[in-house]
Amino acid sequence: MKFYNTYIYIVGKMLSTVVGAMMVALMSIGCGGNTEVETIKSEAYIQNTEVKGESKNCAVVLHAQQGISYNVSVTSENDWASFSGGKLSVEGVMENNNKVVFVYFDKNSSGVSRTAEVVVAFEGGETFNLSFTQHSYDATIAMSREWPELPICKADGNYVYNTHYGKMGVLSNARNYTYCFDPKHRASLWVAYPLHSCYTSGSGNRNYSSFGYDPDVDTRYQANLGAGSYRGWYDRGHQLPAADRKCSQEMMDQTFYATNMTPQQADFNQNKWGALEGKVRNWMCKDTLYVVTGAYFEGAHNSSIDSQTTDKSGNVCPTPTYYYKALLRTKSGNTGKRISEITDASQLRAIVFWMEHKDTGNDTNISASECISVAELEQRTGFTFFPLLDDSIEEAVKQTKTPSEWGVY
C-alpha cells in the first residue's frame, strides 16, 4: 500500500504541475504575456503621392490584421487610372499583415497634371481617403531615367537614343551605357555611363570581342567596322573604353558596337586619350563616378586631321574636331548618397576634359589648360548635362573647374 500511495502522490503532483502550467499559459494570454496575439491597427497610404508623367503605376500599401477584408476603389476623370484588368475597385482578405495594390495608367502627355482619388475601406468601418497626382509627361524628352550620368535627351528626329544592358555579377540586366547616335555623322555625339569597380573587374576579355554593328540601330546609318578600321591613320576609337567593362563578356562585347566608335587619330587614341582614360579609372570611388564621353564635330579641324574618312564600305565618316569627358562624383567618394540627395555643392566635384583632336605623337600629358566647366561644355554643345543635380546647387556645381582636385596641373 505504501508503494501505491507513493505512486498516487507522484502522479498527482505531475497533474498538478501540468494544470498549473496550463493556467499560467492561459493567464499570460489573457494578461499580456509573451504569447498574446498582437492587435494590428489598420492603415493605408500611397507610396508616392506624386508620380512622373512617364510613370505607369502607383502602389497603394495596406496594413491590417490578418483575416480582415478590404475594398480599394479608384476614381479619376475619364477613368484614366484603374486596377489590373481595367477594374475600378478590388477587394479581398488580408493574407498577412501587409498588402500592396497597384493602380495602373498610361503616360500623361496632356500637358497638365491629373489627380486620382483612392478610397480604402477595411472590415469594421475604418476608411482611408487617399489621392495621388501624375504630372505631365514632357513629349520633347526622348528618354528619361533616374541616372545621374544621363544628359537631357531632347527629342530630335535626327538622333537615336538607346541604352544597352548586360550581365554584371548576379544581375542579368544591369545598365551598361546610353548613347545619342547621330546618323549624319555615323557616330554618337555622346556616350554616358556609370563607372565603379564592379564594372572594371571580371571575366570580360577584349580578345574575345569583335567590332560590329549595333543591333538596335539601322545598319544603313552605322559605320562598317567589322572587317577593319577606318581608312587612313584612324583607329576605331571607343567612347566607353573596353577596359571600363570587364565585369562580363556581354558588357565588354557591347563596347565594340559601331555606335560606341568614332574615327580617332591613332597616336591621339593610343597615347594622350588613352592616358586620360586611365586617369578616369583611377578617379573611381566607393560612390559611383558618372561619365559622359563625347565627340564634337563642329568647327575647323587641326591640320593633322582630315575632315572625314571612310569605312570599309566606302561610307563617308566625318572626323571629330574635339573630344571631351565630363565627370561628376562626390568629393569624399564615400557618402553612400544618391547625387539627387546632395544639397551641399561643396560635397561634389565636377570637371570636363576638352581636347582638340589632332596627332599628339607620344604625348601622354594631361594639363589644366584642357579643363573646362560643365557650364562651358553646355554652352559649346547645346546639351544639358547631369540634370539630376539638386536645383539649389546645380549652377554652383556646373560652374566648378578645379583641376587640382583631380590631380591635374
Protein backbone atom coordinates (compact mmCIF):
# COMPACT_ATOMS: atom_id res chain seq x y z
CA MET A 1 0.00 0.00 0.00
CA LYS A 2 2.92 2.30 0.69
CA PHE A 3 4.18 1.94 -2.91
CA TYR A 4 0.65 2.50 -4.27
CA ASN A 5 0.16 5.65 -2.18
CA THR A 6 3.56 6.93 -3.32
CA TYR A 7 2.59 6.32 -6.98
CA ILE A 8 -0.70 8.20 -6.50
CA TYR A 9 1.17 11.06 -4.84
CA ILE A 10 3.70 11.37 -7.72
CA VAL A 11 1.01 11.23 -10.42
CA GLY A 12 -1.00 13.78 -8.55
CA LYS A 13 1.97 16.15 -8.33
CA MET A 14 2.59 15.76 -12.07
CA LEU A 15 -1.04 16.52 -12.90
CA SER A 16 -0.94 19.48 -10.56
CA THR A 17 2.20 20.79 -12.28
CA VAL A 18 0.71 20.37 -15.77
CA VAL A 19 -2.57 22.02 -14.81
CA GLY A 20 -0.68 24.83 -13.13
CA ALA A 21 1.40 25.41 -16.26
CA MET A 22 -1.73 25.48 -18.40
CA MET A 23 -3.32 28.04 -16.07
CA VAL A 24 -0.18 30.20 -16.19
CA ALA A 25 -0.19 29.99 -20.01
CA LEU A 26 -3.86 30.94 -20.17
CA MET A 27 -3.28 33.80 -17.76
CA SER A 28 -0.34 35.05 -19.85
CA ILE A 29 -2.53 35.03 -22.95
CA GLY A 30 -5.24 36.95 -21.20
CA CYS A 31 -2.93 39.28 -19.27
CA GLY A 32 -0.41 40.40 -21.89
CA GLY A 33 2.18 37.63 -21.72
CA ASN A 34 4.64 36.83 -24.49
CA THR A 35 2.14 34.66 -26.37
CA GLU A 36 -0.51 37.37 -26.61
CA VAL A 37 -1.84 37.88 -30.16
CA GLU A 38 -0.97 41.46 -31.16
CA THR A 39 -3.79 43.61 -32.45
CA ILE A 40 -2.78 45.34 -35.70
CA LYS A 41 -4.07 48.84 -36.30
CA SER A 42 -5.41 49.21 -39.83
CA GLU A 43 -3.54 51.71 -42.03
CA ALA A 44 -3.36 52.63 -45.72
CA TYR A 45 -1.17 55.00 -47.67
CA ILE A 46 0.10 55.67 -51.19
CA GLN A 47 3.81 55.03 -51.59
CA ASN A 48 4.36 58.04 -53.89
CA THR A 49 1.68 60.72 -53.89
CA GLU A 50 3.35 62.46 -56.85
CA VAL A 51 4.41 60.39 -59.86
CA LYS A 52 6.20 61.36 -63.05
CA GLY A 53 4.40 61.78 -66.33
CA GLU A 54 6.11 58.74 -67.82
CA SER A 55 5.27 56.52 -64.82
CA LYS A 56 2.75 53.73 -65.39
CA ASN A 57 1.78 52.54 -61.91
CA CYS A 58 1.36 53.64 -58.33
CA ALA A 59 1.44 51.46 -55.17
CA VAL A 60 -1.28 51.56 -52.50
CA VAL A 61 0.03 49.97 -49.29
CA LEU A 62 -2.40 48.26 -46.87
CA HIS A 63 -1.52 47.31 -43.29
CA ALA A 64 -4.11 45.46 -41.23
CA GLN A 65 -4.91 42.39 -39.13
CA GLN A 66 -4.62 39.09 -40.97
CA GLY A 67 -8.06 37.84 -41.99
CA ILE A 68 -9.68 41.29 -42.22
CA SER A 69 -11.41 42.04 -45.52
CA TYR A 70 -10.70 45.17 -47.55
CA ASN A 71 -12.05 47.11 -50.51
CA VAL A 72 -9.98 49.56 -52.58
CA SER A 73 -11.56 51.83 -55.20
CA VAL A 74 -10.10 54.45 -57.52
CA THR A 75 -11.82 57.44 -59.12
CA SER A 76 -10.34 59.62 -61.87
CA GLU A 77 -11.64 61.84 -64.64
CA ASN A 78 -12.35 59.69 -67.71
CA ASP A 79 -11.16 56.67 -65.68
CA TRP A 80 -7.50 57.20 -66.61
CA ALA A 81 -6.45 55.22 -63.52
CA SER A 82 -7.59 51.67 -62.77
CA PHE A 83 -6.56 48.38 -61.24
CA SER A 84 -5.43 45.31 -63.18
CA GLY A 85 -7.86 44.39 -65.92
CA GLY A 86 -9.34 47.88 -66.02
CA LYS A 87 -11.23 47.38 -62.74
CA LEU A 88 -12.14 50.46 -60.70
CA SER A 89 -12.31 48.54 -57.41
CA VAL A 90 -10.74 45.45 -55.91
CA GLU A 91 -11.48 43.55 -52.71
CA GLY A 92 -10.01 40.69 -50.76
CA VAL A 93 -8.90 39.37 -47.39
CA MET A 94 -5.57 40.21 -45.75
CA GLU A 95 -3.47 37.04 -46.08
CA ASN A 96 -0.90 38.57 -43.77
CA ASN A 97 -0.43 41.99 -42.21
CA ASN A 98 0.74 43.76 -45.37
CA LYS A 99 -0.66 44.04 -48.89
CA VAL A 100 0.27 46.16 -51.92
CA VAL A 101 -2.34 47.01 -54.54
CA PHE A 102 -1.17 48.64 -57.78
CA VAL A 103 -3.06 51.33 -59.69
CA TYR A 104 -2.18 51.39 -63.41
CA PHE A 105 -2.28 54.17 -66.01
CA ASP A 106 -0.59 55.44 -69.18
CA LYS A 107 1.96 58.20 -69.69
CA ASN A 108 0.41 61.61 -69.18
CA SER A 109 1.12 63.69 -72.28
CA SER A 110 -1.86 66.01 -71.73
CA GLY A 111 0.31 68.96 -70.74
CA VAL A 112 -1.30 69.30 -67.29
CA SER A 113 -1.16 67.30 -64.08
CA ARG A 114 -4.03 64.98 -63.14
CA THR A 115 -5.22 63.57 -59.82
CA ALA A 116 -6.86 60.27 -58.87
CA GLU A 117 -8.77 59.58 -55.65
CA VAL A 118 -8.30 56.26 -53.85
CA VAL A 119 -10.57 55.01 -51.04
CA VAL A 120 -9.52 52.10 -48.83
CA ALA A 121 -12.22 50.55 -46.61
CA PHE A 122 -11.42 47.83 -44.06
CA GLU A 123 -13.83 45.46 -42.32
CA GLY A 124 -15.04 47.17 -39.16
CA GLY A 125 -15.59 50.58 -40.71
CA GLU A 126 -12.07 52.05 -40.92
CA THR A 127 -11.80 54.09 -44.12
CA PHE A 128 -8.88 55.99 -45.64
CA ASN A 129 -9.32 58.67 -48.33
CA LEU A 130 -6.14 58.98 -50.37
CA SER A 131 -5.03 60.62 -53.60
CA PHE A 132 -2.05 60.86 -55.94
CA THR A 133 -1.06 63.24 -58.73
CA GLN A 134 0.57 62.30 -62.01
CA HIS A 135 2.50 65.16 -63.54
CA SER A 136 2.55 65.82 -67.27
CA TYR A 137 4.98 63.93 -69.47
CA ASP A 138 7.30 66.16 -71.49
CA ALA A 139 6.89 64.92 -75.04
CA THR A 140 10.07 66.76 -76.08
CA ILE A 141 12.17 64.39 -73.95
CA ALA A 142 13.10 61.24 -75.84
CA MET A 143 14.45 59.34 -72.83
CA SER A 144 14.13 59.94 -69.09
CA ARG A 145 15.81 57.84 -66.39
CA GLU A 146 16.88 58.40 -62.79
CA TRP A 147 20.53 58.06 -63.78
CA PRO A 148 22.91 60.90 -62.81
CA GLU A 149 25.12 60.43 -65.89
CA LEU A 150 22.29 60.79 -68.42
CA PRO A 151 22.12 64.18 -70.23
CA ILE A 152 18.70 65.54 -71.12
CA CYS A 153 17.66 63.67 -74.25
CA LYS A 154 15.71 66.19 -76.28
CA ALA A 155 13.53 64.60 -78.92
CA ASP A 156 15.11 65.20 -82.30
CA GLY A 157 14.15 63.38 -85.47
CA ASN A 158 17.82 63.01 -86.37
CA TYR A 159 19.04 61.46 -83.10
CA VAL A 160 18.73 57.89 -81.89
CA TYR A 161 18.83 57.35 -78.11
CA ASN A 162 19.38 53.91 -76.67
CA THR A 163 20.68 52.10 -73.58
CA HIS A 164 22.49 48.77 -73.58
CA TYR A 165 22.15 46.40 -70.64
CA GLY A 166 24.17 43.32 -69.72
CA LYS A 167 25.29 40.83 -67.12
CA MET A 168 27.12 42.07 -64.03
CA GLY A 169 27.56 39.68 -61.12
CA VAL A 170 24.17 38.29 -60.13
CA LEU A 171 22.44 40.95 -62.22
CA SER A 172 21.43 39.90 -65.72
CA ASN A 173 20.19 43.31 -66.86
CA ALA A 174 22.47 45.98 -65.38
CA ARG A 175 22.83 49.19 -67.36
CA ASN A 176 25.95 49.41 -69.47
CA TYR A 177 25.83 52.70 -71.36
CA THR A 178 23.46 55.14 -73.07
CA TYR A 179 24.23 56.99 -76.30
CA CYS A 180 22.96 59.76 -78.54
CA PHE A 181 23.64 58.50 -82.07
CA ASP A 182 23.65 60.91 -84.99
CA PRO A 183 23.14 59.11 -88.34
CA LYS A 184 24.54 62.16 -90.17
CA HIS A 185 27.95 61.56 -88.60
CA ARG A 186 27.63 57.76 -88.32
CA ALA A 187 28.69 58.22 -84.71
CA SER A 188 27.35 59.02 -81.26
CA LEU A 189 27.59 62.62 -80.11
CA TRP A 190 27.91 61.37 -76.53
CA VAL A 191 28.04 58.12 -74.57
CA ALA A 192 27.02 58.26 -70.88
CA TYR A 193 27.85 55.61 -68.30
CA PRO A 194 28.47 54.93 -64.59
CA LEU A 195 31.96 53.90 -63.54
CA HIS A 196 32.63 51.79 -60.45
CA SER A 197 34.95 48.94 -59.52
CA CYS A 198 32.07 46.49 -60.01
CA TYR A 199 32.29 47.29 -63.75
CA THR A 200 36.06 47.15 -64.16
CA SER A 201 36.87 43.69 -62.83
CA GLY A 202 35.63 40.33 -64.02
CA SER A 203 35.82 37.82 -66.86
CA GLY A 204 35.43 40.22 -69.81
CA ASN A 205 38.27 39.85 -72.32
CA ARG A 206 38.61 42.17 -75.30
CA ASN A 207 40.42 39.43 -77.24
CA TYR A 208 37.08 37.64 -77.48
CA SER A 209 35.16 40.73 -78.66
CA SER A 210 34.56 41.69 -82.29
CA PHE A 211 33.84 45.06 -83.87
CA GLY A 212 30.42 45.13 -85.48
CA TYR A 213 27.05 46.78 -85.95
CA ASP A 214 24.83 47.78 -83.06
CA PRO A 215 21.73 45.53 -83.31
CA ASP A 216 19.47 48.36 -82.11
CA VAL A 217 20.29 50.85 -84.90
CA ASP A 218 19.63 50.57 -88.63
CA THR A 219 22.86 49.31 -90.19
CA ARG A 220 22.45 51.75 -93.11
CA TYR A 221 23.47 54.58 -90.79
CA GLN A 222 26.35 52.88 -89.00
CA ALA A 223 29.99 52.68 -90.00
CA ASN A 224 31.05 49.27 -91.31
CA LEU A 225 33.94 48.44 -88.98
CA GLY A 226 33.70 44.68 -88.78
CA ALA A 227 36.32 43.99 -91.46
CA GLY A 228 38.86 46.57 -90.26
CA SER A 229 39.27 50.14 -89.12
CA TYR A 230 38.50 53.41 -90.85
CA ARG A 231 40.57 54.32 -93.92
CA GLY A 232 43.76 56.20 -93.19
CA TRP A 233 45.52 56.58 -89.88
CA TYR A 234 42.35 56.44 -87.81
CA ASP A 235 41.56 53.92 -85.07
CA ARG A 236 38.14 52.62 -84.12
CA GLY A 237 38.11 54.82 -81.04
CA HIS A 238 35.95 53.68 -78.13
CA GLN A 239 33.96 56.37 -76.36
CA LEU A 240 33.27 53.98 -73.48
CA PRO A 241 36.63 52.19 -73.09
CA ALA A 242 36.56 48.40 -73.23
CA ALA A 243 38.70 48.33 -70.07
CA ASP A 244 35.84 50.00 -68.20
CA ARG A 245 33.61 46.96 -68.77
CA LYS A 246 35.50 43.84 -67.70
CA CYS A 247 32.60 42.73 -65.47
CA SER A 248 31.29 40.32 -68.13
CA GLN A 249 31.92 39.32 -71.72
CA GLU A 250 28.47 40.60 -72.67
CA MET A 251 29.21 44.07 -71.31
CA MET A 252 32.64 44.03 -72.95
CA ASP A 253 31.22 42.96 -76.33
CA GLN A 254 28.73 45.85 -76.33
CA THR A 255 31.58 48.38 -76.16
CA PHE A 256 32.67 47.16 -79.62
CA TYR A 257 29.43 48.25 -81.32
CA ALA A 258 29.79 50.86 -84.06
CA THR A 259 27.60 53.26 -82.04
CA ASN A 260 30.43 53.46 -79.49
CA MET A 261 33.09 54.19 -82.14
CA THR A 262 34.46 57.30 -83.82
CA PRO A 263 37.38 57.72 -86.27
CA GLN A 264 40.17 58.72 -83.89
CA GLN A 265 43.71 59.59 -84.95
CA ALA A 266 45.89 56.65 -83.93
CA ASP A 267 48.57 58.46 -81.88
CA PHE A 268 45.95 60.56 -80.11
CA ASN A 269 43.87 57.46 -79.32
CA GLN A 270 46.71 55.28 -78.14
CA ASN A 271 48.64 57.89 -76.14
CA LYS A 272 47.05 61.11 -74.93
CA TRP A 273 43.43 59.93 -74.97
CA GLY A 274 44.42 56.54 -73.57
CA ALA A 275 46.23 58.29 -70.71
CA LEU A 276 43.08 60.23 -69.87
CA GLU A 277 41.04 57.03 -69.86
CA GLY A 278 43.48 55.53 -67.36
CA LYS A 279 43.27 58.57 -65.11
CA VAL A 280 39.48 58.43 -65.14
CA ARG A 281 39.58 54.84 -63.89
CA ASN A 282 41.90 55.97 -61.09
CA TRP A 283 39.27 58.53 -60.04
CA MET A 284 36.69 55.86 -59.28
CA CYS A 285 35.42 55.73 -55.70
CA LYS A 286 33.04 53.81 -53.42
CA ASP A 287 30.37 56.22 -54.57
CA THR A 288 29.91 56.00 -58.34
CA LEU A 289 31.81 58.20 -60.79
CA TYR A 290 29.50 59.42 -63.57
CA VAL A 291 31.00 59.95 -67.02
CA VAL A 292 29.84 61.41 -70.32
CA THR A 293 32.29 60.96 -73.21
CA GLY A 294 31.54 62.98 -76.31
CA ALA A 295 32.69 63.78 -79.84
CA TYR A 296 32.28 67.33 -81.15
CA PHE A 297 32.15 67.71 -84.92
CA GLU A 298 31.81 71.47 -85.44
CA GLY A 299 34.50 73.97 -86.41
CA ALA A 300 37.79 73.83 -88.26
CA HIS A 301 39.93 70.71 -87.96
CA ASN A 302 43.53 70.69 -86.86
CA SER A 303 45.85 70.49 -89.87
CA SER A 304 46.94 66.97 -88.84
CA ILE A 305 43.37 65.66 -89.10
CA ASP A 306 41.27 65.09 -92.22
CA SER A 307 37.75 66.42 -92.07
CA GLN A 308 36.44 62.99 -92.98
CA THR A 309 37.40 59.42 -93.72
CA THR A 310 35.54 56.33 -94.95
CA ASP A 311 34.66 52.94 -93.57
CA LYS A 312 35.28 49.61 -95.29
CA SER A 313 32.14 50.02 -97.38
CA GLY A 314 33.21 53.44 -98.63
CA ASN A 315 30.68 55.32 -96.47
CA VAL A 316 31.81 58.83 -95.53
CA CYS A 317 32.56 59.20 -91.82
CA PRO A 318 33.23 62.74 -90.57
CA THR A 319 36.05 63.04 -88.01
CA PRO A 320 35.51 64.91 -84.71
CA THR A 321 37.25 68.22 -84.14
CA TYR A 322 37.24 67.78 -80.34
CA TYR A 323 36.66 65.05 -77.77
CA TYR A 324 35.54 65.53 -74.19
CA LYS A 325 34.91 63.71 -70.93
CA ALA A 326 32.53 65.24 -68.38
CA LEU A 327 32.91 63.84 -64.86
CA LEU A 328 30.82 64.07 -61.69
CA ARG A 329 31.35 62.42 -58.30
CA THR A 330 31.29 63.13 -54.58
CA LYS A 331 34.39 64.74 -53.11
CA SER A 332 34.82 62.24 -50.29
CA GLY A 333 33.87 59.34 -52.54
CA ASN A 334 32.18 57.56 -49.66
CA THR A 335 28.92 59.33 -48.80
CA GLY A 336 26.55 56.49 -49.67
CA LYS A 337 24.18 59.11 -51.07
CA ARG A 338 22.49 59.47 -54.42
CA ILE A 339 23.56 62.54 -56.40
CA SER A 340 19.98 63.89 -56.26
CA GLU A 341 20.04 63.68 -52.44
CA ILE A 342 23.01 66.02 -52.05
CA THR A 343 22.10 69.67 -51.38
CA ASP A 344 25.56 70.97 -50.46
CA ALA A 345 27.65 71.90 -53.51
CA SER A 346 30.86 71.51 -51.50
CA GLN A 347 30.24 67.75 -51.32
CA LEU A 348 30.53 67.35 -55.11
CA ARG A 349 33.19 67.89 -57.73
CA ALA A 350 32.76 68.13 -61.48
CA ILE A 351 35.04 68.85 -64.41
CA VAL A 352 35.32 68.47 -68.19
CA PHE A 353 38.39 67.50 -70.19
CA TRP A 354 38.09 69.14 -73.60
CA MET A 355 40.77 68.03 -76.08
CA GLU A 356 41.48 69.02 -79.64
CA HIS A 357 41.53 66.03 -81.97
CA LYS A 358 44.96 66.01 -83.55
CA ASP A 359 48.13 63.99 -83.96
CA THR A 360 49.69 64.29 -80.49
CA GLY A 361 52.55 61.87 -81.14
CA ASN A 362 53.73 60.14 -77.96
CA ASP A 363 52.41 62.87 -75.67
CA THR A 364 50.50 61.47 -72.66
CA ASN A 365 50.39 64.65 -70.56
CA ILE A 366 47.01 65.87 -69.33
CA SER A 367 47.10 69.55 -68.36
CA ALA A 368 44.84 72.06 -66.62
CA SER A 369 44.65 74.04 -69.86
CA GLU A 370 42.50 71.23 -71.26
CA CYS A 371 39.89 71.57 -68.49
CA ILE A 372 36.61 73.49 -68.69
CA SER A 373 33.48 73.57 -66.54
CA VAL A 374 30.27 71.66 -67.22
CA ALA A 375 28.57 75.01 -67.78
CA GLU A 376 31.07 75.82 -70.55
CA LEU A 377 30.51 72.39 -72.11
CA GLU A 378 26.77 73.00 -72.19
CA GLN A 379 27.32 76.31 -74.00
CA ARG A 380 29.56 74.68 -76.61
CA THR A 381 27.48 71.57 -77.31
CA GLY A 382 23.90 72.63 -76.58
CA PHE A 383 23.32 69.56 -74.38
CA THR A 384 22.31 69.72 -70.71
CA PHE A 385 24.49 67.51 -68.53
CA PHE A 386 23.87 65.99 -65.09
CA PRO A 387 20.25 67.21 -64.80
CA LEU A 388 19.62 65.21 -61.60
CA LEU A 389 21.69 67.67 -59.57
CA ASP A 390 19.53 69.36 -56.94
CA ASP A 391 18.25 72.70 -58.30
CA SER A 392 19.67 74.59 -55.33
CA ILE A 393 23.27 73.59 -56.16
CA GLU A 394 23.16 72.81 -59.89
CA GLU A 395 24.59 76.14 -61.06
CA ALA A 396 27.39 76.14 -58.48
CA VAL A 397 28.46 72.57 -59.31
CA LYS A 398 28.36 73.18 -63.05
CA GLN A 399 30.49 76.32 -62.74
CA THR A 400 33.16 74.35 -60.87
CA LYS A 401 36.53 73.87 -62.55
CA THR A 402 39.31 72.87 -60.16
CA PRO A 403 41.84 70.66 -61.99
CA SER A 404 43.96 70.24 -58.87
CA GLU A 405 41.10 68.31 -57.21
CA TRP A 406 41.70 65.72 -59.91
CA GLY A 407 45.48 65.79 -59.64
CA VAL A 408 45.85 67.81 -62.85
CA TYR A 409 48.00 70.96 -63.07
